PDB file of N, CA and C in Angstrom:
ATOM      1  N   MET A   1      48.132 -11.632   5.997  1.00  0.00           N
ATOM      2  CA  MET A   1      47.365 -12.474   8.150  1.00  0.00           C
ATOM      3  C   MET A   1      47.160 -10.610   8.225  1.00  0.00           C
ATOM      4  N   ALA A   2      45.974 -11.777   9.024  1.00  0.00           N
ATOM      5  CA  ALA A   2      44.755 -10.552   9.095  1.00  0.00           C
ATOM      6  C   ALA A   2      45.062  -9.935  10.572  1.00  0.00           C
ATOM      7  N   SER A   3      45.084  -8.566  10.957  1.00  0.00           N
ATOM      8  CA  SER A   3      45.414  -8.076  12.507  1.00  0.00           C
ATOM      9  C   SER A   3      44.583  -8.048  13.001  1.00  0.00           C
ATOM     10  N   THR A   4      44.498  -8.304  14.028  1.00  0.00           N
ATOM     11  CA  THR A   4      43.796  -7.946  15.328  1.00  0.00           C
ATOM     12  C   THR A   4      43.629  -7.021  16.327  1.00  0.00           C
ATOM     13  N   SER A   5      42.246  -6.311  16.310  1.00  0.00           N
ATOM     14  CA  SER A   5      41.209  -5.220  17.512  1.00  0.00           C
ATOM     15  C   SER A   5      41.063  -5.660  18.558  1.00  0.00           C
ATOM     16  N   VAL A   6      41.314  -4.988  19.528  1.00  0.00           N
ATOM     17  CA  VAL A   6      41.304  -5.607  21.021  1.00  0.00           C
ATOM     18  C   VAL A   6      40.239  -4.557  21.166  1.00  0.00           C
ATOM     19  N   LEU A   7      38.902  -4.072  21.051  1.00  0.00           N
ATOM     20  CA  LEU A   7      38.351  -3.033  21.634  1.00  0.00           C
ATOM     21  C   LEU A   7      37.401  -3.302  23.044  1.00  0.00           C
ATOM     22  N   SER A   8      37.331  -2.106  23.756  1.00  0.00           N
ATOM     23  CA  SER A   8      36.257  -2.820  25.531  1.00  0.00           C
ATOM     24  C   SER A   8      34.973  -1.849  24.977  1.00  0.00           C
ATOM     25  N   SER A   9      34.030  -2.435  26.143  1.00  0.00           N
ATOM     26  CA  SER A   9      32.870  -1.765  26.424  1.00  0.00           C
ATOM     27  C   SER A   9      32.136  -1.667  27.423  1.00  0.00           C
ATOM     28  N   VAL A  10      31.538  -1.085  27.681  1.00  0.00           N
ATOM     29  CA  VAL A  10      30.587  -1.608  29.944  1.00  0.00           C
ATOM     30  C   VAL A  10      29.344  -1.613  29.346  1.00  0.00           C
ATOM     31  N   MET A  11      28.748  -3.063  30.428  1.00  0.00           N
ATOM     32  CA  MET A  11      27.414  -2.778  30.348  1.00  0.00           C
ATOM     33  C   MET A  11      27.268  -1.753  30.736  1.00  0.00           C
ATOM     34  N   ASP A  12      25.628  -1.470  30.808  1.00  0.00           N
ATOM     35  CA  ASP A  12      25.357  -0.709  31.926  1.00  0.00           C
ATOM     36  C   ASP A  12      24.011  -1.690  32.381  1.00  0.00           C
ATOM     37  N   SER A  13      23.083  -0.849  34.129  1.00  0.00           N
ATOM     38  CA  SER A  13      22.469  -2.192  34.519  1.00  0.00           C
ATOM     39  C   SER A  13      21.396  -2.237  33.922  1.00  0.00           C
ATOM     40  N   ASP A  14      21.328  -1.780  32.424  1.00  0.00           N
ATOM     41  CA  ASP A  14      20.105  -2.236  31.639  1.00  0.00           C
ATOM     42  C   ASP A  14      20.205  -3.273  30.590  1.00  0.00           C
ATOM     43  N   GLY A  15      21.188  -4.111  30.861  1.00  0.00           N
ATOM     44  CA  GLY A  15      22.424  -4.570  29.610  1.00  0.00           C
ATOM     45  C   GLY A  15      22.387  -3.754  28.357  1.00  0.00           C
ATOM     46  N   LYS A  16      22.774  -2.867  27.814  1.00  0.00           N
ATOM     47  CA  LYS A  16      23.194  -1.735  26.668  1.00  0.00           C
ATOM     48  C   LYS A  16      24.410  -1.923  27.112  1.00  0.00           C
ATOM     49  N   ILE A  17      25.004  -1.927  25.930  1.00  0.00           N
ATOM     50  CA  ILE A  17      26.608  -1.546  25.580  1.00  0.00           C
ATOM     51  C   ILE A  17      26.427  -1.212  24.531  1.00  0.00           C
ATOM     52  N   VAL A  18      28.119   0.168  24.604  1.00  0.00           N
ATOM     53  CA  VAL A  18      28.082   0.541  23.648  1.00  0.00           C
ATOM     54  C   VAL A  18      29.081   0.011  22.178  1.00  0.00           C
ATOM     55  N   VAL A  19      28.567   0.304  21.301  1.00  0.00           N
ATOM     56  CA  VAL A  19      29.504  -0.806  20.454  1.00  0.00           C
ATOM     57  C   VAL A  19      30.551   1.345  19.546  1.00  0.00           C
ATOM     58  N   PRO A  20      32.277  -0.093  19.915  1.00  0.00           N
ATOM     59  CA  PRO A  20      32.725   1.916  19.660  1.00  0.00           C
ATOM     60  C   PRO A  20      32.907   1.440  18.444  1.00  0.00           C
ATOM     61  N   ALA A  21      32.756   3.515  18.263  1.00  0.00           N
ATOM     62  CA  ALA A  21      33.089   3.793  16.615  1.00  0.00           C
ATOM     63  C   ALA A  21      33.996   2.563  16.201  1.00  0.00           C
ATOM     64  N   GLU A  22      35.107   2.944  15.983  1.00  0.00           N
ATOM     65  CA  GLU A  22      36.100   2.320  15.810  1.00  0.00           C
ATOM     66  C   GLU A  22      35.400   1.065  14.332  1.00  0.00           C
ATOM     67  N   ILE A  23      34.945   0.265  15.954  1.00  0.00           N
ATOM     68  CA  ILE A  23      33.958  -1.301  15.632  1.00  0.00           C
ATOM     69  C   ILE A  23      32.579  -0.827  14.345  1.00  0.00           C
ATOM     70  N   GLN A  24      32.056   0.449  14.719  1.00  0.00           N
ATOM     71  CA  GLN A  24      30.468   0.189  13.660  1.00  0.00           C
ATOM     72  C   GLN A  24      30.467   1.444  12.768  1.00  0.00           C
ATOM     73  N   GLU A  25      32.178   1.939  12.187  1.00  0.00           N
ATOM     74  CA  GLU A  25      32.339   2.053  11.081  1.00  0.00           C
ATOM     75  C   GLU A  25      33.013   1.210   9.962  1.00  0.00           C
ATOM     76  N   GLN A  26      33.596  -0.227  10.808  1.00  0.00           N
ATOM     77  CA  GLN A  26      33.998  -1.337  10.243  1.00  0.00           C
ATOM     78  C   GLN A  26      32.848  -1.849  10.126  1.00  0.00           C
ATOM     79  N   LEU A  27      31.758  -1.904  10.748  1.00  0.00           N
ATOM     80  CA  LEU A  27      30.928  -2.681   9.755  1.00  0.00           C
ATOM     81  C   LEU A  27      29.567  -1.822   9.487  1.00  0.00           C
ATOM     82  N   GLY A  28      30.295  -1.069   9.600  1.00  0.00           N
ATOM     83  CA  GLY A  28      29.089  -0.164   8.789  1.00  0.00           C
ATOM     84  C   GLY A  28      27.797   0.129   9.453  1.00  0.00           C
ATOM     85  N   LEU A  29      27.849  -0.388  10.453  1.00  0.00           N
ATOM     86  CA  LEU A  29      25.968  -0.952  11.378  1.00  0.00           C
ATOM     87  C   LEU A  29      25.904   1.641  11.148  1.00  0.00           C
ATOM     88  N   LYS A  30      24.573   1.472  11.633  1.00  0.00           N
ATOM     89  CA  LYS A  30      24.230   2.776  11.870  1.00  0.00           C
ATOM     90  C   LYS A  30      22.955   2.727  12.381  1.00  0.00           C
ATOM     91  N   LYS A  31      22.199   3.790  13.202  1.00  0.00           N
ATOM     92  CA  LYS A  31      21.312   3.322  14.929  1.00  0.00           C
ATOM     93  C   LYS A  31      20.086   2.597  13.921  1.00  0.00           C
ATOM     94  N   GLY A  32      19.740   1.682  14.488  1.00  0.00           N
ATOM     95  CA  GLY A  32      18.841   0.607  14.241  1.00  0.00           C
ATOM     96  C   GLY A  32      18.703  -0.414  13.458  1.00  0.00           C
ATOM     97  N   ASP A  33      20.749  -1.026  13.245  1.00  0.00           N
ATOM     98  CA  ASP A  33      20.613  -1.818  12.554  1.00  0.00           C
ATOM     99  C   ASP A  33      20.883  -3.333  13.745  1.00  0.00           C
ATOM    100  N   LYS A  34      20.386  -4.367  13.597  1.00  0.00           N
ATOM    101  CA  LYS A  34      20.400  -5.298  15.015  1.00  0.00           C
ATOM    102  C   LYS A  34      21.522  -6.679  14.535  1.00  0.00           C
ATOM    103  N   LEU A  35      22.881  -6.244  15.467  1.00  0.00           N
ATOM    104  CA  LEU A  35      23.662  -6.947  15.689  1.00  0.00           C
ATOM    105  C   LEU A  35      22.951  -8.579  16.729  1.00  0.00           C
ATOM    106  N   GLU A  36      23.701  -9.360  15.682  1.00  0.00           N
ATOM    107  CA  GLU A  36      23.886 -10.902  16.348  1.00  0.00           C
ATOM    108  C   GLU A  36      24.915 -11.569  17.106  1.00  0.00           C
ATOM    109  N   PHE A  37      25.309 -12.073  18.221  1.00  0.00           N
ATOM    110  CA  PHE A  37      26.347 -12.515  19.195  1.00  0.00           C
ATOM    111  C   PHE A  37      26.595 -14.725  18.685  1.00  0.00           C
ATOM    112  N   ILE A  38      27.574 -14.785  18.206  1.00  0.00           N
ATOM    113  CA  ILE A  38      26.720 -16.083  18.362  1.00  0.00           C
ATOM    114  C   ILE A  38      28.789 -16.804  18.956  1.00  0.00           C
ATOM    115  N   ILE A  39      27.926 -17.355  19.899  1.00  0.00           N
ATOM    116  CA  ILE A  39      29.117 -18.307  21.294  1.00  0.00           C
ATOM    117  C   ILE A  39      30.074 -19.119  20.806  1.00  0.00           C
ATOM    118  N   LYS A  40      31.294 -19.214  20.667  1.00  0.00           N
ATOM    119  CA  LYS A  40      31.757 -21.172  19.874  1.00  0.00           C
ATOM    120  C   LYS A  40      32.742 -20.960  20.080  1.00  0.00           C
ATOM    121  N   ASP A  41      33.118 -22.083  20.359  1.00  0.00           N
ATOM    122  CA  ASP A  41      34.548 -22.633  21.520  1.00  0.00           C
ATOM    123  C   ASP A  41      34.944 -21.883  22.166  1.00  0.00           C
ATOM    124  N   GLY A  42      34.284 -20.656  23.302  1.00  0.00           N
ATOM    125  CA  GLY A  42      34.753 -20.441  24.099  1.00  0.00           C
ATOM    126  C   GLY A  42      34.323 -18.344  24.151  1.00  0.00           C
ATOM    127  N   GLN A  43      34.171 -18.260  22.962  1.00  0.00           N
ATOM    128  CA  GLN A  43      34.220 -17.035  22.394  1.00  0.00           C
ATOM    129  C   GLN A  43      33.061 -16.470  21.986  1.00  0.00           C
ATOM    130  N   THR A  44      33.230 -15.077  21.459  1.00  0.00           N
ATOM    131  CA  THR A  44      32.206 -14.349  21.576  1.00  0.00           C
ATOM    132  C   THR A  44      32.513 -13.815  20.229  1.00  0.00           C
ATOM    133  N   ILE A  45      31.550 -13.839  18.599  1.00  0.00           N
ATOM    134  CA  ILE A  45      31.923 -13.562  17.199  1.00  0.00           C
ATOM    135  C   ILE A  45      30.969 -11.888  17.662  1.00  0.00           C
ATOM    136  N   VAL A  46      30.988 -10.583  17.609  1.00  0.00           N
ATOM    137  CA  VAL A  46      29.256  -9.758  16.730  1.00  0.00           C
ATOM    138  C   VAL A  46      29.684  -9.719  16.099  1.00  0.00           C
ATOM    139  N   ARG A  47      28.654  -9.764  15.021  1.00  0.00           N
ATOM    140  CA  ARG A  47      27.944  -9.292  13.608  1.00  0.00           C
ATOM    141  C   ARG A  47      27.251  -8.198  13.564  1.00  0.00           C
ATOM    142  N   GLN A  48      27.053  -7.716  12.311  1.00  0.00           N
ATOM    143  CA  GLN A  48      25.940  -6.897  11.843  1.00  0.00           C
ATOM    144  C   GLN A  48      24.329  -8.184  11.464  1.00  0.00           C
ATOM    145  N   ALA A  49      23.772  -8.280  11.981  1.00  0.00           N
ATOM    146  CA  ALA A  49      22.592  -9.350  11.471  1.00  0.00           C
ATOM    147  C   ALA A  49      22.478  -9.022  10.104  1.00  0.00           C
ATOM    148  N   PRO A  50      22.044 -10.661   9.099  1.00  0.00           N
ATOM    149  CA  PRO A  50      21.682 -10.363   7.970  1.00  0.00           C
ATOM    150  C   PRO A  50      20.282 -10.089   7.830  1.00  0.00           C
ATOM    151  N   VAL A  51      20.354  -9.094   6.656  1.00  0.00           N
ATOM    152  CA  VAL A  51      18.671  -8.329   6.707  1.00  0.00           C
ATOM    153  C   VAL A  51      18.270  -9.800   6.155  1.00  0.00           C
ATOM    154  N   SER A  52      16.612  -9.837   5.807  1.00  0.00           N
ATOM    155  CA  SER A  52      15.871 -10.957   6.002  1.00  0.00           C
ATOM    156  C   SER A  52      15.690 -10.903   3.966  1.00  0.00           C
ATOM    157  N   SER A  53      15.484 -11.684   3.905  1.00  0.00           N
ATOM    158  CA  SER A  53      15.531 -11.847   1.985  1.00  0.00           C
ATOM    159  C   SER A  53      14.078 -11.260   1.850  1.00  0.00           C
ATOM    160  N   PHE A  54      13.053 -11.235   2.527  1.00  0.00           N
ATOM    161  CA  PHE A  54      11.569 -11.136   2.795  1.00  0.00           C
ATOM    162  C   PHE A  54      10.895  -9.390   3.366  1.00  0.00           C
ATOM    163  N   ALA A  55      12.363  -8.504   4.121  1.00  0.00           N
ATOM    164  CA  ALA A  55      12.018  -7.315   4.257  1.00  0.00           C
ATOM    165  C   ALA A  55      11.930  -6.325   2.597  1.00  0.00           C
ATOM    166  N   GLU A  56      12.346  -6.166   2.429  1.00  0.00           N
ATOM    167  CA  GLU A  56      11.880  -5.816   1.374  1.00  0.00           C
ATOM    168  C   GLU A  56      10.622  -6.011   0.101  1.00  0.00           C
ATOM    169  N   PHE A  57       9.890  -6.808   0.952  1.00  0.00           N
ATOM    170  CA  PHE A  57       8.460  -7.039   0.436  1.00  0.00           C
ATOM    171  C   PHE A  57       7.742  -6.643   1.226  1.00  0.00           C
ATOM    172  N   VAL A  58       7.226  -6.022   2.452  1.00  0.00           N
ATOM    173  CA  VAL A  58       6.674  -5.905   3.847  1.00  0.00           C
ATOM    174  C   VAL A  58       6.023  -4.415   2.888  1.00  0.00           C
ATOM    175  N   GLY A  59       4.931  -4.928   2.625  1.00  0.00           N
ATOM    176  CA  GLY A  59       3.892  -3.689   2.310  1.00  0.00           C
ATOM    177  C   GLY A  59       3.347  -3.483   1.015  1.00  0.00           C
ATOM    178  N   ALA A  60       4.756  -4.921   0.320  1.00  0.00           N
ATOM    179  CA  ALA A  60       4.739  -4.872  -1.554  1.00  0.00           C
ATOM    180  C   ALA A  60       3.141  -5.887  -1.513  1.00  0.00           C
ATOM    181  N   VAL A  61       2.380  -6.145  -0.683  1.00  0.00           N
ATOM    182  CA  VAL A  61       0.672  -6.247  -0.901  1.00  0.00           C
ATOM    183  C   VAL A  61      -0.116  -6.421  -0.349  1.00  0.00           C
ATOM    184  N   PRO A  62      -1.571  -5.786  -0.085  1.00  0.00           N
ATOM    185  CA  PRO A  62      -2.044  -4.936   0.524  1.00  0.00           C
ATOM    186  C   PRO A  62      -2.846  -6.032   1.239  1.00  0.00           C
ATOM    187  N   VAL A  63      -3.610  -5.572   2.413  1.00  0.00           N
ATOM    188  CA  VAL A  63      -3.609  -6.802   3.617  1.00  0.00           C
ATOM    189  C   VAL A  63      -5.302  -6.779   3.156  1.00  0.00           C
ATOM    190  N   PHE A  64      -5.661  -8.005   3.025  1.00  0.00           N
ATOM    191  CA  PHE A  64      -7.125  -8.518   3.031  1.00  0.00           C
ATOM    192  C   PHE A  64      -8.101  -9.073   4.181  1.00  0.00           C
ATOM    193  N   ALA A  65      -9.539  -8.753   4.008  1.00  0.00           N
ATOM    194  CA  ALA A  65      -9.945  -9.549   5.023  1.00  0.00           C
ATOM    195  C   ALA A  65     -10.330 -10.985   5.216  1.00  0.00           C
ATOM    196  N   ASN A  66     -10.402 -11.244   3.803  1.00  0.00           N
ATOM    197  CA  ASN A  66     -10.688 -13.178   3.969  1.00  0.00           C
ATOM    198  C   ASN A  66     -10.545 -12.910   2.210  1.00  0.00           C
ATOM    199  N   ILE A  67     -10.402 -14.590   2.179  1.00  0.00           N
ATOM    200  CA  ILE A  67     -10.348 -15.221   0.262  1.00  0.00           C
ATOM    201  C   ILE A  67     -11.177 -14.422  -0.562  1.00  0.00           C
ATOM    202  N   ALA A  68     -12.203 -14.397  -0.555  1.00  0.00           N
ATOM    203  CA  ALA A  68     -12.515 -13.245  -1.705  1.00  0.00           C
ATOM    204  C   ALA A  68     -11.844 -11.994  -1.837  1.00  0.00           C
ATOM    205  N   GLU A  69     -11.698 -11.425  -1.014  1.00  0.00           N
ATOM    206  CA  GLU A  69     -10.901 -10.349  -1.534  1.00  0.00           C
ATOM    207  C   GLU A  69      -9.208 -10.537  -2.064  1.00  0.00           C
ATOM    208  N   VAL A  70      -9.005 -12.091  -1.634  1.00  0.00           N
ATOM    209  CA  VAL A  70      -6.935 -12.401  -2.023  1.00  0.00           C
ATOM    210  C   VAL A  70      -7.444 -12.662  -3.468  1.00  0.00           C
ATOM    211  N   ASN A  71      -8.487 -13.754  -4.053  1.00  0.00           N
ATOM    212  CA  ASN A  71      -8.702 -13.870  -4.819  1.00  0.00           C
ATOM    213  C   ASN A  71      -8.982 -12.629  -5.968  1.00  0.00           C
ATOM    214  N   ALA A  72     -10.491 -11.544  -5.269  1.00  0.00           N
ATOM    215  CA  ALA A  72     -10.576 -11.303  -6.109  1.00  0.00           C
ATOM    216  C   ALA A  72      -8.741  -9.547  -7.391  1.00  0.00           C
ATOM    217  N   TRP A  73      -8.210  -9.739  -5.979  1.00  0.00           N
ATOM    218  CA  TRP A  73      -7.000  -8.240  -6.490  1.00  0.00           C
ATOM    219  C   TRP A  73      -5.715  -9.801  -7.334  1.00  0.00           C
ATOM    220  N   VAL A  74      -6.325 -10.838  -7.382  1.00  0.00           N
ATOM    221  CA  VAL A  74      -5.101 -11.821  -7.812  1.00  0.00           C
ATOM    222  C   VAL A  74      -5.730 -11.828  -9.306  1.00  0.00           C
ATOM    223  N   ARG A  75      -6.984 -11.029  -9.366  1.00  0.00           N
ATOM    224  CA  ARG A  75      -8.145 -11.863 -10.616  1.00  0.00           C
ATOM    225  C   ARG A  75      -7.772 -10.066 -11.462  1.00  0.00           C
ATOM    226  N   ASP A  76      -7.599  -9.711 -10.742  1.00  0.00           N
ATOM    227  CA  ASP A  76      -7.100  -8.257 -10.994  1.00  0.00           C
ATOM    228  C   ASP A  76      -5.740  -7.689 -11.314  1.00  0.00           C
ATOM    229  N   MET A  77      -5.235  -8.515 -10.962  1.00  0.00           N
ATOM    230  CA  MET A  77      -3.626  -8.127 -11.136  1.00  0.00           C
ATOM    231  C   MET A  77      -3.010  -9.501 -12.320  1.00  0.00           C
ATOM    232  N   ARG A  78      -4.264 -10.101 -12.517  1.00  0.00           N
ATOM    233  CA  ARG A  78      -4.073 -11.401 -14.072  1.00  0.00           C
ATOM    234  C   ARG A  78      -5.051 -10.718 -14.923  1.00  0.00           C
ATOM    235  N   GLY A  79      -5.918 -10.253 -14.768  1.00  0.00           N
ATOM    236  CA  GLY A  79      -6.141  -8.650 -16.289  1.00  0.00           C
ATOM    237  C   GLY A  79      -8.087  -9.559 -16.159  1.00  0.00           C
ATOM    238  N   ASP A  80      -8.081 -10.848 -15.081  1.00  0.00           N
ATOM    239  CA  ASP A  80      -8.771 -11.937 -15.268  1.00  0.00           C
ATOM    240  C   ASP A  80     -10.195 -11.202 -15.380  1.00  0.00           C
ATOM    241  N   ASP A  81     -11.516 -10.728 -15.940  1.00  0.00           N
ATOM    242  CA  ASP A  81     -12.662 -10.120 -15.320  1.00  0.00           C
ATOM    243  C   ASP A  81     -13.893 -11.127 -15.752  1.00  0.00           C
ATOM    244  N   ASP A  82     -13.437 -12.012 -16.276  1.00  0.00           N
ATOM    245  CA  ASP A  82     -14.257 -13.438 -16.907  1.00  0.00           C
ATOM    246  C   ASP A  82     -14.526 -13.781 -15.142  1.00  0.00           C
ATOM    247  N   VAL A  83     -14.199 -14.136 -14.243  1.00  0.00           N
ATOM    248  CA  VAL A  83     -14.129 -14.951 -14.148  1.00  0.00           C
ATOM    249  C   VAL A  83     -14.849 -15.012 -11.758  1.00  0.00           C
ATOM    250  N   VAL A  84     -15.828 -16.834 -12.146  1.00  0.00           N
ATOM    251  CA  VAL A  84     -17.303 -15.582 -11.090  1.00  0.00           C
ATOM    252  C   VAL A  84     -16.909 -17.174 -10.593  1.00  0.00           C
ATOM    253  N   GLU A  85     -17.079 -16.703  -9.001  1.00  0.00           N
ATOM    254  CA  GLU A  85     -17.094 -16.349  -7.428  1.00  0.00           C
ATOM    255  C   GLU A  85     -17.898 -17.910  -7.366  1.00  0.00           C
TER     256      GLU A  85
END
């Protein structure tokens, strides 16, 4: 049977709350992690927000100024040197 813990925190005038250390440890939270607040049937569930599956690809592709640069990059990645625009 699952155990239940009741922990509390106080919201400051800016709307910020401190997550109790016990909850931080149980959820494996660290500075900068995002949380989700889910309201269901009059209760609020707080959980660590899932990390986007795309987050790991940020910065993997260079920024391009136009479609010609994109096409050139794709040709280079493929090794297509003989294609004419």
